[in-house]
Every structure is written in structure tokens, then in C-alpha cells.
Amino acid sequence: MKKRIVAILMTAAVITSMFTACAGAAGTAAESAGQAAEAVTETAEEVAEAAGEAVEAAGEWEGDIDEIVVMFADMGGKGENFGPALEAMNAITEKTIGVHADVKLLNMGDFTTQVGLALAGGEQLDIMTPAMGATSFTSLVANGQLYDLTELMENEGAGIMNLMGDYVEADRVDGKIYGIPPFRNYASSVYMIMRKDVLDDLGLTEKAQNLSSWSEVEEIFGAVAEGTEISPIGASNKTVLDGGAGHIYAADAFSDAIIFDNIGDSFIVAFPEEDGTVSFLPEKAEYRAELDMIRQWYQDGYVYKDSAITEDHADVLMKTGVIFSSVQTSELGVEVAKGDATGYELVCTEISQNMLTSGTVGKFGLCVPITSEEPEAAVRWINALYTDPVLENLMIYGVEGTDYIVTDGIASYPEGVDGTTGVYHQVDFMYGNQFNLLPWTGMEADFRESTYDYMRSSVISPFMGFSAEMSELANAITALSAVYDQYRGDILCGLYDDAEYDAYIAALKNANVDEYLGALEAQLSAWKSN
């Protein structure tokens, strides 16, 4: 769909180097983000005046404006307030790349439903975030629902290719590019994230800061259950212990965790051995021991009772005062990022480190569904988001002066506003280029550069670069996705009994899980031999 520009009110500054490479340096990106953000002002009139010269230097788009439809999973819980920032983004992209985006930020439940309806009905959907289950990258590729971007990335996506280099390989399947990973700190750890005010009241702050075992965690849970009215722990996306991240917590000590590369398996059923064989994770005794620990927590009243059915992220549950803690994967600066998301000062204790895998690099990001009516415009828009710091800061932080302010190069909420009362704010790891964001309050001025260096020093999986090609198993993928959606809440939140677990195993077997695992193993073996 196209429309003709009659008049456009500029509402944000445009940098002239939108399509140039950032030379792989987070420091340069952070510096350019700071310079660009200085040009963003509170009102449309002020921004237009500040941006005029930059727009003139960059040149304006000639011709029709492509209209694209974008659906993002809303991880920040404030997607309904994205309108002003989106208006500012469209004023930039209409002028510079000829694209107007209708961006819908939807909670996970609505996102899965709306994406499914659009794909099934052939409705226009030009850009989306891969999520989980039927909307996971694996499922979408297997079902032939993603556009092959290989040729488009050479032109419309050249800025991303120059910027990210080999990291784009995480979303290449059978030689074809089907998505663009977010450019962020891929080096991450699993953290126990806890409200410091509750810990202070219970005299357990020091204990929480020095946790080293699950028995110590349970002692804190017991104190929270007895001394407060909130649930000791809640789930993220219907998962209590960050399921699918490549960890098994069977032993009491954190240091004895089993860490593995899940090779892109989004159904939490595959366990690749060091020799490349792939076994059935739900039948692995160590994994069942972890699930039984969660089940005991639920029976003891420690797990938020609606964890298996709520569509709210754990950060949202904490922000609304429902839960005391969650276990999540996060990166350097987790206290600031999660504190901002929840509105609380937090204690974040590392449980285990993640390998750098194709899955961690490729997690989230953006892709173009096969129902796209404007694939070229979609890639131009994605390229702009990744390479223009102004767009990235609008996408994540909103409008400067309204949603955030900048002081000495550090972004923060305006006076009297925090994470619970702010109008708009989004998580910084999911959309676009994290290194183009201004550092947030609590971070050092060189934080983006530091995280880039930290990422480059992380441990890399021996299977890094492997991506499974599952198009021949589309029926099995669909069946496994249905089983996952049916059982994951109960199984991963501790609501199951032995009979239900047996039914879960049987359902996976009926969904041809053995065929799925065999295909993974065969492809992994071929990849290793080459």
C-alpha cells in the first residue's frame, strides 16, 4: 500500500550517516547516539527547527511513501503509549527512506494471536519479532512463513551487514537470511532478580547478594512468604527458571549447573551432547529434578498462583507489586535495566553464565513474514532502525522531554517520574541496535562501549554458527508447537503431577519429537563434519 506525501511535519532530527557502517565500535555508536539525541526536543515545532539543516543535507525521499505494518511483542508493558514516539519516527523515515510504519506493540498473548491470524489469513504484515511457540523463528522458518531476505540485505540492508558482520549468520538457514538478530550485548547470565526493599525489611539483603545455592534461595522464599503478602517468585512467559536458555539446575549449588547450547530448539525438548548426539531433554533425570524443585516451590506457595496463565511478563508483575523475585537471563547492567522496568531498586545475583550461541545471538530480532506487501520497504525501515541512533532512542525511550530527559549524556526519567509512572519506555535488548542507545541513569557514560568489550570476551559454544533447517518437518514443528503451548504453563511453573508429566511425554512422542530430534542430530553431525 502506498500514499503520496502532501506535507510532513518533521518531529525528530535525522543524521546524515544513516546508511554508513558504525565500524563495529560501541563507543562510536554511543557517541553518535549522544550527539543525535541532543537534537531531539520536546515539541514537533522545536524538533523541526533543529533538524532542518540535517534533513536538507541528507536529501529527501522522492516518490511514493510505502506503508508497512509492524507487530512487536510488547515487553515493556506500555505499548499503548507508543503513539507520539511513532509519529516522530515516521516523520523521519518518510523524509529519508520513504516509509511510513504502522507499529503495533502487543502483549504476548495478543501478539501470538494477531500474528497467527495475519499469517493464516494472508493479511499484510511486513515486520515482526519472532517470539515463541508458533511464532518462534524455528517454527516460522519451518512453515515457510518468512521472507528470504538474502538479496534484499545486499542493498536495503547494507548498513546492517556492515555493522553486524558475522552476527547476521545466526539467522541464516540453509544459506538464506530469514531474519536480523538484535545488535545487543549477546553475552548474558541468568540472574536471581529480587526487590531490595523487601530484603531490607526482612534483614536478608546481604544473604541475597551472596546466594550460591537453591537451598539458600528457598530460605529467602520462606521468609518472604511468611513476612509479606506477595508471592516469592513469578514466571517470565510462563517459565519460572528461564526455560530454554540452556541450563539445567539439578544440583543445589549454582556452580554445578549444567550449561549447554540448545541449538535453536524453542520447544525445550533437545539436549545436544558434546559428541553431537541429541537426546530427549524431558526424559533426562537432571532436568526432571529441576522441574520437581519448581513443583515443590508451587506446592509450598512460593510460585505466583497465576504464573501458568498470565500473559504479563515477570517485570510487569513485579512492577504491580505481585511478586518479589524472578529468574531471568539478562546482561551487564541488569540492576539498572530491570530496576527501570520494575520501578524498584533490586538485588540481582548471578546464578550461571550463558554460552554465546546461535540461539542467544538470534533470539528476538526482526523478520519479514511471507505476507509482507512491502518487503523492500520493510528492510529499509529495519536498516534505518539499526543505523540511526535517533530512531533507536525513540523506539526504546520515547520522546525526549516527555518520556525521558538527557543530562550530561545520560538518559533518565523526568523529575517526578519513575518506571511505574512513566508514560512510555521499552526494553532495550529486543529491537534494533542497543549500542546506539544513550546510557540510562545508573550506567557509566561509557557503558555501551564496556558492554561491547564484555560481549567480545564471552565463552562461545562449540556449535556456534549452526542453524537447523526444518522446512521438511513443518508438520512435526506444528504439532510440537501445539504440545508446547498446551503444557508449558503447567510443566514449567510446577502445576503438574506425575500423570500429567507422563501425558506430556506421550503428547511429545505423538507429535513426532523423535523425528525432530533425529533431524537435529543429523544436521548437527553434518555441520560438525564440514
Protein backbone atom coordinates (compact mmCIF):
# COMPACT_ATOMS: atom_id res chain seq x y z
CA MET A 1 0.00 0.00 0.00
CA LYS A 2 1.30 3.47 -0.85
CA LYS A 3 0.34 7.04 -0.19
CA ARG A 4 1.58 10.35 -1.53
CA ILE A 5 3.17 12.90 0.81
CA VAL A 6 1.34 16.22 0.75
CA ALA A 7 3.07 17.74 3.76
CA ILE A 8 5.19 16.30 6.52
CA LEU A 9 5.93 17.90 9.87
CA MET A 10 9.42 16.89 10.97
CA THR A 11 9.36 15.70 14.58
CA ALA A 12 12.89 14.37 15.05
CA ALA A 13 16.43 15.01 13.88
CA VAL A 14 17.88 12.99 11.04
CA ILE A 15 21.51 12.03 10.94
CA THR A 16 23.15 12.10 7.53
CA SER A 17 25.10 8.89 8.08
CA MET A 18 22.03 6.64 8.41
CA PHE A 19 23.32 4.07 5.97
CA THR A 20 27.02 4.12 6.88
CA ALA A 21 28.68 1.41 8.93
CA CYS A 22 29.42 2.08 12.58
CA ALA A 23 32.80 0.35 12.26
CA GLY A 24 31.78 -2.15 14.91
CA ALA A 25 32.61 0.23 17.74
CA ALA A 26 30.10 0.65 20.53
CA GLY A 27 31.97 3.72 21.71
CA THR A 28 31.42 5.42 18.37
CA ALA A 29 27.78 4.33 18.40
CA ALA A 30 27.24 5.65 21.91
CA GLU A 31 28.90 8.94 20.98
CA SER A 32 26.76 9.34 17.88
CA ALA A 33 23.69 8.45 19.93
CA GLY A 34 24.51 11.23 22.34
CA GLN A 35 25.06 13.75 19.58
CA ALA A 36 21.87 12.75 17.82
CA ALA A 37 19.77 12.78 20.96
CA GLU A 38 20.80 16.37 21.68
CA ALA A 39 18.84 17.30 18.57
CA VAL A 40 15.64 15.71 19.87
CA THR A 41 13.43 18.28 21.60
CA GLU A 42 10.04 18.20 23.23
CA THR A 43 7.70 19.63 20.65
CA ALA A 44 7.27 19.00 16.95
CA GLU A 45 7.94 22.66 16.10
CA GLU A 46 11.20 22.77 18.06
CA VAL A 47 12.38 19.50 16.54
CA ALA A 48 11.56 20.64 13.02
CA GLU A 49 13.68 23.77 13.51
CA ALA A 50 16.59 21.81 14.99
CA ALA A 51 16.51 19.13 12.30
CA GLY A 52 16.03 21.25 9.20
CA GLU A 53 19.68 21.55 8.20
CA ALA A 54 20.34 17.85 8.77
CA VAL A 55 17.38 16.86 6.60
CA GLU A 56 18.47 19.21 3.85
CA ALA A 57 21.99 17.72 3.90
CA ALA A 58 20.70 14.14 3.81
CA GLY A 59 18.28 14.78 0.98
CA GLU A 60 14.60 13.93 0.91
CA TRP A 61 12.92 10.84 -0.43
CA GLU A 62 11.44 11.31 -3.88
CA GLY A 63 8.36 9.41 -4.91
CA ASP A 64 5.66 7.47 -3.14
CA ILE A 65 5.70 6.52 0.52
CA ASP A 66 5.49 2.80 1.29
CA GLU A 67 3.18 1.88 4.15
CA ILE A 68 4.24 -1.10 6.26
CA VAL A 69 2.55 -2.98 9.11
CA VAL A 70 4.73 -3.95 12.06
CA MET A 71 3.86 -6.15 15.05
CA PHE A 72 6.17 -6.22 18.06
CA ALA A 73 5.81 -8.19 21.27
CA ASP A 74 5.49 -5.54 23.99
CA MET A 75 7.96 -6.49 26.72
CA GLY A 76 7.76 -3.12 28.47
CA GLY A 77 4.04 -3.20 29.19
CA LYS A 78 3.39 0.34 27.90
CA GLY A 79 2.96 -0.22 24.20
CA GLU A 80 -0.37 1.59 24.12
CA ASN A 81 1.53 4.84 24.76
CA PHE A 82 3.92 4.50 21.81
CA GLY A 83 1.96 6.88 19.57
CA PRO A 84 3.96 10.12 19.97
CA ALA A 85 7.31 8.37 19.52
CA LEU A 86 5.99 6.50 16.47
CA GLU A 87 4.79 9.77 14.97
CA ALA A 88 8.27 11.18 15.41
CA MET A 89 9.84 8.09 13.84
CA ASN A 90 7.51 8.23 10.85
CA ALA A 91 8.33 11.88 10.24
CA ILE A 92 11.98 10.84 9.92
CA THR A 93 11.52 7.71 7.82
CA GLU A 94 9.01 9.30 5.44
CA LYS A 95 11.56 12.01 4.69
CA THR A 96 14.65 9.82 4.43
CA ILE A 97 13.68 6.33 3.25
CA GLY A 98 10.10 6.75 2.04
CA VAL A 99 8.47 4.52 4.65
CA HIS A 100 5.51 5.05 6.98
CA ALA A 101 5.20 2.34 9.65
CA ASP A 102 2.04 1.30 11.48
CA VAL A 103 3.68 -0.26 14.56
CA LYS A 104 1.55 -2.28 16.96
CA LEU A 105 3.08 -3.16 20.33
CA LEU A 106 1.05 -6.08 21.76
CA ASN A 107 1.25 -8.11 24.97
CA MET A 108 2.50 -11.64 24.36
CA GLY A 109 -0.93 -13.24 24.25
CA ASP A 110 -2.37 -10.73 21.80
CA PHE A 111 0.85 -10.76 19.79
CA THR A 112 0.72 -14.52 19.25
CA THR A 113 -2.96 -14.37 18.34
CA GLN A 114 -2.72 -11.38 16.00
CA VAL A 115 0.38 -12.68 14.22
CA GLY A 116 -1.25 -16.08 13.79
CA LEU A 117 -4.39 -14.53 12.31
CA ALA A 118 -2.40 -12.32 9.95
CA LEU A 119 -0.27 -15.19 8.67
CA ALA A 120 -3.21 -17.58 8.33
CA GLY A 121 -5.40 -15.01 6.62
CA GLY A 122 -2.75 -13.63 4.29
CA GLU A 123 -3.10 -10.17 5.82
CA GLN A 124 -0.38 -7.59 5.33
CA LEU A 125 2.32 -7.97 7.96
CA ASP A 126 5.70 -6.60 6.95
CA ILE A 127 7.85 -6.85 10.09
CA MET A 128 7.54 -8.86 13.31
CA THR A 129 9.56 -10.07 16.26
CA PRO A 130 9.96 -13.86 16.43
CA ALA A 131 8.82 -14.96 19.87
CA MET A 132 7.94 -18.49 20.99
CA GLY A 133 5.87 -21.50 20.04
CA ALA A 134 4.18 -21.00 16.69
CA THR A 135 5.77 -17.54 16.38
CA SER A 136 9.31 -18.75 17.14
CA PHE A 137 11.97 -18.31 14.49
CA THR A 138 12.28 -22.10 14.12
CA SER A 139 8.54 -22.57 13.58
CA LEU A 140 8.20 -19.66 11.19
CA VAL A 141 11.08 -20.86 9.01
CA ALA A 142 9.89 -24.48 9.09
CA ASN A 143 6.41 -23.43 7.99
CA GLY A 144 7.71 -21.28 5.14
CA GLN A 145 6.28 -18.13 6.71
CA LEU A 146 9.36 -15.90 6.49
CA TYR A 147 10.63 -13.95 3.51
CA ASP A 148 14.08 -14.80 2.16
CA LEU A 149 16.00 -11.57 2.79
CA THR A 150 19.33 -12.63 1.31
CA GLU A 151 19.26 -10.39 -1.77
CA LEU A 152 17.44 -7.54 -0.07
CA MET A 153 20.11 -7.32 2.63
CA GLU A 154 22.76 -6.56 -0.02
CA ASN A 155 21.09 -3.24 -0.85
CA GLU A 156 18.32 -2.14 1.51
CA GLY A 157 20.10 -3.81 4.43
CA ALA A 158 23.68 -2.89 3.58
CA GLY A 159 24.06 -0.77 6.70
CA ILE A 160 23.17 -3.72 8.92
CA MET A 161 25.53 -6.06 7.08
CA ASN A 162 28.40 -3.61 7.50
CA LEU A 163 27.52 -3.04 11.13
CA MET A 164 26.94 -6.58 12.34
CA GLY A 165 29.04 -8.74 10.05
CA ASP A 166 29.02 -12.41 11.00
CA TYR A 167 26.41 -11.97 13.73
CA VAL A 168 23.77 -11.95 10.98
CA GLU A 169 24.72 -15.60 10.38
CA ALA A 170 22.67 -16.59 13.43
CA ASP A 171 19.52 -16.10 11.36
CA ARG A 172 20.84 -17.72 8.19
CA VAL A 173 19.27 -21.11 7.45
CA ASP A 174 20.37 -23.30 4.56
CA GLY A 175 22.33 -20.39 3.14
CA LYS A 176 19.44 -17.93 3.28
CA ILE A 177 18.90 -14.98 5.62
CA TYR A 178 15.45 -15.11 7.23
CA GLY A 179 15.87 -12.54 9.99
CA ILE A 180 18.10 -9.92 11.58
CA PRO A 181 19.23 -10.50 15.17
CA PRO A 182 19.10 -7.54 17.53
CA PHE A 183 22.53 -5.93 17.80
CA ARG A 184 22.99 -6.07 21.54
CA ASN A 185 25.21 -7.49 24.24
CA TYR A 186 24.89 -11.18 23.44
CA ALA A 187 26.98 -12.15 26.45
CA SER A 188 24.49 -12.80 29.24
CA SER A 189 23.91 -14.60 32.51
CA VAL A 190 20.95 -15.96 34.44
CA TYR A 191 20.13 -13.81 37.45
CA MET A 192 18.03 -14.06 40.58
CA ILE A 193 16.24 -10.69 40.49
CA MET A 194 14.86 -9.57 43.87
CA ARG A 195 13.24 -6.47 45.36
CA LYS A 196 15.74 -4.80 47.67
CA ASP A 197 13.07 -3.08 49.80
CA VAL A 198 11.61 -6.44 50.77
CA LEU A 199 15.05 -7.84 51.51
CA ASP A 200 15.90 -4.81 53.63
CA ASP A 201 12.71 -5.17 55.65
CA LEU A 202 13.46 -8.85 56.28
CA GLY A 203 17.14 -8.30 57.03
CA LEU A 204 18.16 -10.57 54.14
CA THR A 205 19.90 -8.19 51.75
CA GLU A 206 23.42 -9.40 52.42
CA LYS A 207 22.29 -13.02 52.19
CA ALA A 208 20.63 -12.34 48.83
CA GLN A 209 23.72 -10.62 47.47
CA ASN A 210 25.81 -13.70 48.25
CA LEU A 211 23.49 -16.51 47.18
CA SER A 212 25.22 -19.64 45.93
CA SER A 213 22.58 -22.38 46.19
CA TRP A 214 18.90 -23.12 45.73
CA SER A 215 18.52 -24.07 49.39
CA GLU A 216 19.53 -20.52 50.28
CA VAL A 217 17.00 -19.22 47.76
CA GLU A 218 14.31 -21.32 49.42
CA GLU A 219 15.18 -19.85 52.81
CA ILE A 220 14.54 -16.38 51.41
CA PHE A 221 11.33 -17.55 49.76
CA GLY A 222 10.12 -18.89 53.11
CA ALA A 223 10.80 -15.58 54.80
CA VAL A 224 9.02 -13.62 52.05
CA ALA A 225 6.00 -15.95 52.19
CA GLU A 226 5.77 -15.58 55.95
CA GLY A 227 6.55 -11.89 56.22
CA THR A 228 4.77 -10.34 53.22
CA GLU A 229 1.58 -10.59 51.17
CA ILE A 230 3.34 -11.03 47.82
CA SER A 231 4.40 -14.21 46.03
CA PRO A 232 8.08 -15.08 46.45
CA ILE A 233 8.64 -15.76 42.74
CA GLY A 234 6.83 -15.34 39.44
CA ALA A 235 7.32 -16.64 35.94
CA SER A 236 8.53 -14.92 32.78
CA ASN A 237 6.50 -16.07 29.80
CA LYS A 238 5.07 -18.96 31.83
CA THR A 239 8.55 -20.17 32.79
CA VAL A 240 9.90 -19.98 36.36
CA LEU A 241 13.57 -20.81 35.69
CA ASP A 242 14.16 -19.21 32.32
CA GLY A 243 13.46 -22.45 30.47
CA GLY A 244 15.07 -22.96 27.14
CA ALA A 245 18.11 -20.82 27.90
CA GLY A 246 20.42 -23.83 28.00
CA HIS A 247 20.68 -24.56 31.72
CA ILE A 248 19.73 -27.44 33.98
CA TYR A 249 19.63 -26.75 37.72
CA ALA A 250 19.53 -30.26 39.16
CA ALA A 251 22.11 -29.77 41.91
CA ASP A 252 21.77 -27.46 44.89
CA ALA A 253 24.88 -25.38 44.18
CA PHE A 254 24.65 -22.81 41.40
CA SER A 255 28.19 -23.76 40.37
CA ASP A 256 27.01 -27.29 39.50
CA ALA A 257 24.54 -26.14 36.84
CA ILE A 258 24.63 -27.97 33.51
CA ILE A 259 25.09 -25.42 30.73
CA PHE A 260 24.51 -26.34 27.09
CA ASP A 261 23.76 -24.95 23.64
CA ASN A 262 20.11 -25.64 22.87
CA ILE A 263 20.91 -25.35 19.11
CA GLY A 264 17.86 -23.22 18.43
CA ASP A 265 15.31 -25.62 19.92
CA SER A 266 12.37 -23.49 21.02
CA PHE A 267 10.30 -26.34 22.46
CA ILE A 268 12.71 -27.26 25.32
CA VAL A 269 12.99 -30.88 24.20
CA ALA A 270 16.54 -31.16 22.81
CA PHE A 271 19.76 -31.76 24.74
CA PRO A 272 22.86 -31.88 22.48
CA GLU A 273 25.71 -33.91 23.93
CA GLU A 274 29.33 -32.89 23.47
CA ASP A 275 29.77 -35.55 20.77
CA GLY A 276 26.88 -34.08 18.75
CA THR A 277 24.19 -36.62 19.61
CA VAL A 278 20.86 -35.10 20.60
CA SER A 279 18.86 -36.65 23.43
CA PHE A 280 15.30 -36.05 24.65
CA LEU A 281 15.54 -33.42 27.39
CA PRO A 282 12.22 -34.11 29.24
CA GLU A 283 13.36 -37.68 29.94
CA LYS A 284 16.72 -36.56 31.29
CA ALA A 285 16.81 -37.22 35.06
CA GLU A 286 18.62 -33.98 35.84
CA TYR A 287 16.04 -31.88 34.01
CA ARG A 288 13.16 -33.64 35.74
CA ALA A 289 14.88 -32.91 39.09
CA GLU A 290 14.85 -29.19 38.25
CA LEU A 291 11.16 -29.29 37.35
CA ASP A 292 10.37 -31.19 40.56
CA MET A 293 12.13 -28.47 42.55
CA ILE A 294 9.84 -25.88 40.93
CA ARG A 295 6.84 -28.12 41.63
CA GLN A 296 7.79 -28.22 45.30
CA TRP A 297 8.01 -24.43 45.32
CA TYR A 298 4.50 -24.22 43.90
CA GLN A 299 3.18 -26.66 46.49
CA ASP A 300 4.86 -24.60 49.22
CA GLY A 301 3.09 -21.48 47.99
CA TYR A 302 6.23 -19.78 46.68
CA VAL A 303 5.25 -19.51 42.98
CA TYR A 304 2.73 -16.86 41.95
CA LYS A 305 -0.50 -18.81 41.55
CA ASP A 306 -1.37 -17.42 38.09
CA SER A 307 2.10 -17.91 36.58
CA ALA A 308 0.87 -20.62 34.21
CA ILE A 309 -1.87 -18.47 32.68
CA THR A 310 -0.86 -14.82 32.95
CA GLU A 311 0.30 -13.04 29.83
CA ASP A 312 2.17 -10.45 31.91
CA HIS A 313 5.95 -10.55 31.96
CA ALA A 314 7.63 -11.01 35.34
CA ASP A 315 8.83 -7.39 35.23
CA VAL A 316 5.24 -6.23 34.92
CA LEU A 317 4.17 -8.50 37.79
CA MET A 318 6.90 -7.08 39.98
CA LYS A 319 6.05 -3.52 38.97
CA THR A 320 2.45 -4.04 40.04
CA GLY A 321 3.53 -5.44 43.42
CA VAL A 322 2.52 -9.04 42.77
CA ILE A 323 5.87 -10.85 43.07
CA PHE A 324 9.13 -10.49 44.99
CA SER A 325 11.51 -12.11 42.51
CA SER A 326 12.06 -13.73 39.15
CA VAL A 327 14.83 -15.68 37.43
CA GLN A 328 15.77 -14.24 34.06
CA THR A 329 18.55 -14.01 31.54
CA SER A 330 19.99 -10.52 31.36
CA GLU A 331 23.21 -8.68 30.61
CA LEU A 332 25.75 -6.39 32.19
CA GLY A 333 23.81 -3.56 33.86
CA VAL A 334 20.90 -5.82 34.82
CA GLU A 335 20.24 -3.83 38.01
CA VAL A 336 19.62 -0.67 36.02
CA ALA A 337 17.66 -2.30 33.18
CA LYS A 338 15.41 -4.37 35.43
CA GLY A 339 15.15 -1.63 38.03
CA ASP A 340 13.86 0.66 35.34
CA ALA A 341 11.45 -1.98 34.07
CA THR A 342 10.04 -2.77 37.52
CA GLY A 343 10.30 0.57 39.29
CA TYR A 344 12.20 -0.96 42.23
CA GLU A 345 15.77 -0.95 43.46
CA LEU A 346 16.89 -4.53 43.00
CA VAL A 347 19.42 -7.09 44.12
CA CYS A 348 20.45 -9.15 41.09
CA THR A 349 22.61 -12.17 41.89
CA GLU A 350 24.22 -14.18 39.10
CA ILE A 351 23.25 -17.85 39.01
CA SER A 352 25.11 -19.02 35.91
CA GLN A 353 26.65 -17.67 32.72
CA ASN A 354 25.33 -18.36 29.25
CA MET A 355 27.33 -19.61 26.32
CA LEU A 356 27.41 -17.37 23.29
CA THR A 357 25.32 -19.44 20.86
CA SER A 358 23.48 -19.00 17.61
CA GLY A 359 20.33 -19.08 19.75
CA THR A 360 21.42 -16.26 22.06
CA VAL A 361 22.58 -14.15 19.13
CA GLY A 362 19.46 -14.88 17.07
CA LYS A 363 16.95 -14.60 19.92
CA PHE A 364 14.29 -11.98 19.19
CA GLY A 365 15.37 -9.61 16.45
CA LEU A 366 13.22 -8.81 13.43
CA CYS A 367 11.99 -10.72 10.40
CA VAL A 368 9.75 -10.15 7.39
CA PRO A 369 6.74 -12.51 7.11
CA ILE A 370 5.81 -14.02 3.78
CA THR A 371 2.59 -11.97 3.85
CA SER A 372 4.59 -8.75 3.53
CA GLU A 373 3.34 -6.48 0.77
CA GLU A 374 6.38 -4.21 1.00
CA PRO A 375 9.46 -6.38 1.74
CA GLU A 376 11.93 -3.86 0.29
CA ALA A 377 10.47 -1.05 2.40
CA ALA A 378 10.44 -3.33 5.43
CA VAL A 379 14.17 -3.97 5.15
CA ARG A 380 14.84 -0.26 4.55
CA TRP A 381 12.96 0.51 7.76
CA ILE A 382 14.82 -2.15 9.75
CA ASN A 383 18.12 -0.88 8.36
CA ALA A 384 17.23 2.64 9.46
CA LEU A 385 16.30 1.49 12.96
CA TYR A 386 19.65 -0.30 13.36
CA THR A 387 21.80 2.51 11.98
CA ASP A 388 20.11 5.73 13.14
CA PRO A 389 20.58 6.48 16.86
CA VAL A 390 17.66 8.93 16.81
CA LEU A 391 15.23 6.22 15.70
CA GLU A 392 16.60 3.73 18.22
CA ASN A 393 16.24 6.14 21.14
CA LEU A 394 12.70 7.00 20.07
CA MET A 395 11.83 3.30 19.80
CA ILE A 396 13.14 2.42 23.26
CA TYR A 397 12.96 5.59 25.36
CA GLY A 398 10.18 7.54 23.64
CA VAL A 399 10.14 11.31 23.15
CA GLU A 400 12.81 13.34 24.90
CA GLY A 401 11.36 15.88 27.30
CA THR A 402 8.19 13.86 27.76
CA ASP A 403 9.26 10.25 28.33
CA TYR A 404 12.88 10.93 29.26
CA ILE A 405 15.46 13.68 29.66
CA VAL A 406 19.20 13.79 28.97
CA THR A 407 21.73 15.16 31.45
CA ASP A 408 25.44 15.08 30.63
CA GLY A 409 24.84 12.38 28.04
CA ILE A 410 22.86 10.13 30.42
CA ALA A 411 19.15 9.46 29.87
CA SER A 412 16.69 9.28 32.76
CA TYR A 413 13.05 9.78 33.60
CA PRO A 414 11.87 13.39 34.01
CA GLU A 415 11.61 14.70 37.55
CA GLY A 416 8.78 13.06 39.48
CA VAL A 417 8.53 10.14 37.07
CA ASP A 418 9.81 6.57 37.53
CA GLY A 419 9.41 3.15 35.97
CA THR A 420 5.92 2.73 37.40
CA THR A 421 4.57 6.13 36.38
CA GLY A 422 6.44 6.75 33.12
CA VAL A 423 4.23 7.06 30.07
CA TYR A 424 6.40 5.07 27.66
CA HIS A 425 9.56 3.00 27.96
CA GLN A 426 10.61 -0.22 26.26
CA VAL A 427 13.14 -2.97 26.97
CA ASP A 428 16.46 -2.24 25.28
CA PHE A 429 17.52 -5.73 24.15
CA MET A 430 14.86 -6.66 21.63
CA TYR A 431 14.54 -4.09 18.86
CA GLY A 432 17.37 -2.70 16.80
CA ASN A 433 20.83 -1.63 17.94
CA GLN A 434 21.37 -1.50 21.70
CA PHE A 435 24.77 0.14 21.23
CA ASN A 436 23.10 3.20 19.66
CA LEU A 437 21.14 3.90 22.84
CA LEU A 438 22.08 6.57 25.30
CA PRO A 439 23.23 5.06 28.61
CA TRP A 440 20.44 5.10 31.19
CA THR A 441 20.72 6.62 34.64
CA GLY A 442 22.86 4.43 36.87
CA MET A 443 25.12 3.47 33.97
CA GLU A 444 28.52 4.97 33.34
CA ALA A 445 28.92 7.24 30.34
CA ASP A 446 30.99 4.56 28.57
CA PHE A 447 28.58 1.74 29.40
CA ARG A 448 27.73 0.86 25.80
CA GLU A 449 31.42 0.59 24.93
CA SER A 450 32.06 -1.55 28.02
CA THR A 451 29.27 -3.96 27.15
CA TYR A 452 30.60 -4.33 23.64
CA ASP A 453 34.01 -5.30 25.03
CA TYR A 454 32.35 -7.66 27.53
CA MET A 455 30.46 -9.37 24.72
CA ARG A 456 33.64 -9.94 22.74
CA SER A 457 35.23 -11.75 25.71
CA SER A 458 32.39 -14.25 26.31
CA VAL A 459 32.64 -18.05 26.04
CA ILE A 460 31.50 -19.26 22.63
CA SER A 461 29.58 -22.50 22.08
CA PRO A 462 31.33 -25.22 20.05
CA PHE A 463 28.16 -25.25 17.91
CA MET A 464 28.22 -21.50 17.22
CA GLY A 465 27.04 -20.90 13.67
CA PHE A 466 24.84 -23.98 13.47
CA SER A 467 21.25 -23.33 12.42
CA ALA A 468 18.78 -26.15 11.81
CA GLU A 469 16.78 -26.25 8.59
CA MET A 470 13.36 -27.64 9.42
CA SER A 471 11.21 -27.00 6.34
CA GLU A 472 10.83 -30.74 5.71
CA LEU A 473 9.48 -31.17 9.24
CA ALA A 474 6.80 -28.49 9.08
CA ASN A 475 4.08 -30.87 10.29
CA ALA A 476 6.18 -32.04 13.24
CA ILE A 477 7.04 -28.44 14.13
CA THR A 478 3.35 -27.51 14.10
CA ALA A 479 2.46 -30.50 16.28
CA LEU A 480 5.28 -29.82 18.75
CA SER A 481 4.27 -26.17 18.94
CA ALA A 482 0.72 -27.20 19.88
CA VAL A 483 2.01 -29.51 22.63
CA TYR A 484 4.33 -26.81 23.92
CA ASP A 485 1.53 -24.27 24.08
CA GLN A 486 -0.76 -26.75 25.84
CA TYR A 487 1.62 -27.96 28.52
CA ARG A 488 4.35 -25.39 29.08
CA GLY A 489 2.48 -23.35 31.68
CA ASP A 490 1.80 -26.34 33.95
CA ILE A 491 5.13 -28.09 33.38
CA LEU A 492 7.40 -25.04 33.68
CA CYS A 493 5.54 -23.43 36.59
CA GLY A 494 5.23 -26.54 38.78
CA LEU A 495 1.49 -27.19 38.45
CA TYR A 496 1.81 -30.75 37.14
CA ASP A 497 1.51 -34.15 38.80
CA ASP A 498 3.20 -37.35 37.65
CA ALA A 499 0.24 -38.33 35.49
CA GLU A 500 0.29 -35.01 33.64
CA TYR A 501 4.04 -35.26 33.11
CA ASP A 502 3.57 -38.71 31.61
CA ALA A 503 0.85 -37.28 29.37
CA TYR A 504 3.21 -34.50 28.34
CA ILE A 505 5.87 -37.04 27.31
CA ALA A 506 3.27 -39.09 25.41
CA ALA A 507 1.98 -36.00 23.61
CA LEU A 508 5.52 -35.10 22.50
CA LYS A 509 6.07 -38.63 21.23
CA ASN A 510 2.80 -38.48 19.31
CA ALA A 511 3.95 -35.17 17.83
CA ASN A 512 6.94 -36.93 16.27
CA VAL A 513 9.52 -35.49 18.66
CA ASP A 514 11.85 -38.39 17.83
CA GLU A 515 11.80 -37.40 14.16
CA TYR A 516 12.50 -33.78 15.15
CA LEU A 517 15.44 -34.75 17.39
CA GLY A 518 16.79 -37.11 14.75
CA ALA A 519 16.77 -34.35 12.16
CA LEU A 520 18.58 -32.00 14.55
CA GLU A 521 21.20 -34.64 15.22
CA ALA A 522 21.72 -35.45 11.55
CA GLN A 523 22.13 -31.80 10.63
CA LEU A 524 24.42 -31.12 13.58
CA SER A 525 26.56 -34.11 12.61
CA ALA A 526 26.80 -32.87 9.02
CA TRP A 527 27.67 -29.38 10.22
CA LYS A 528 30.40 -30.71 12.50
CA SER A 529 31.91 -32.83 9.74
CA ASN A 530 32.16 -29.77 7.50
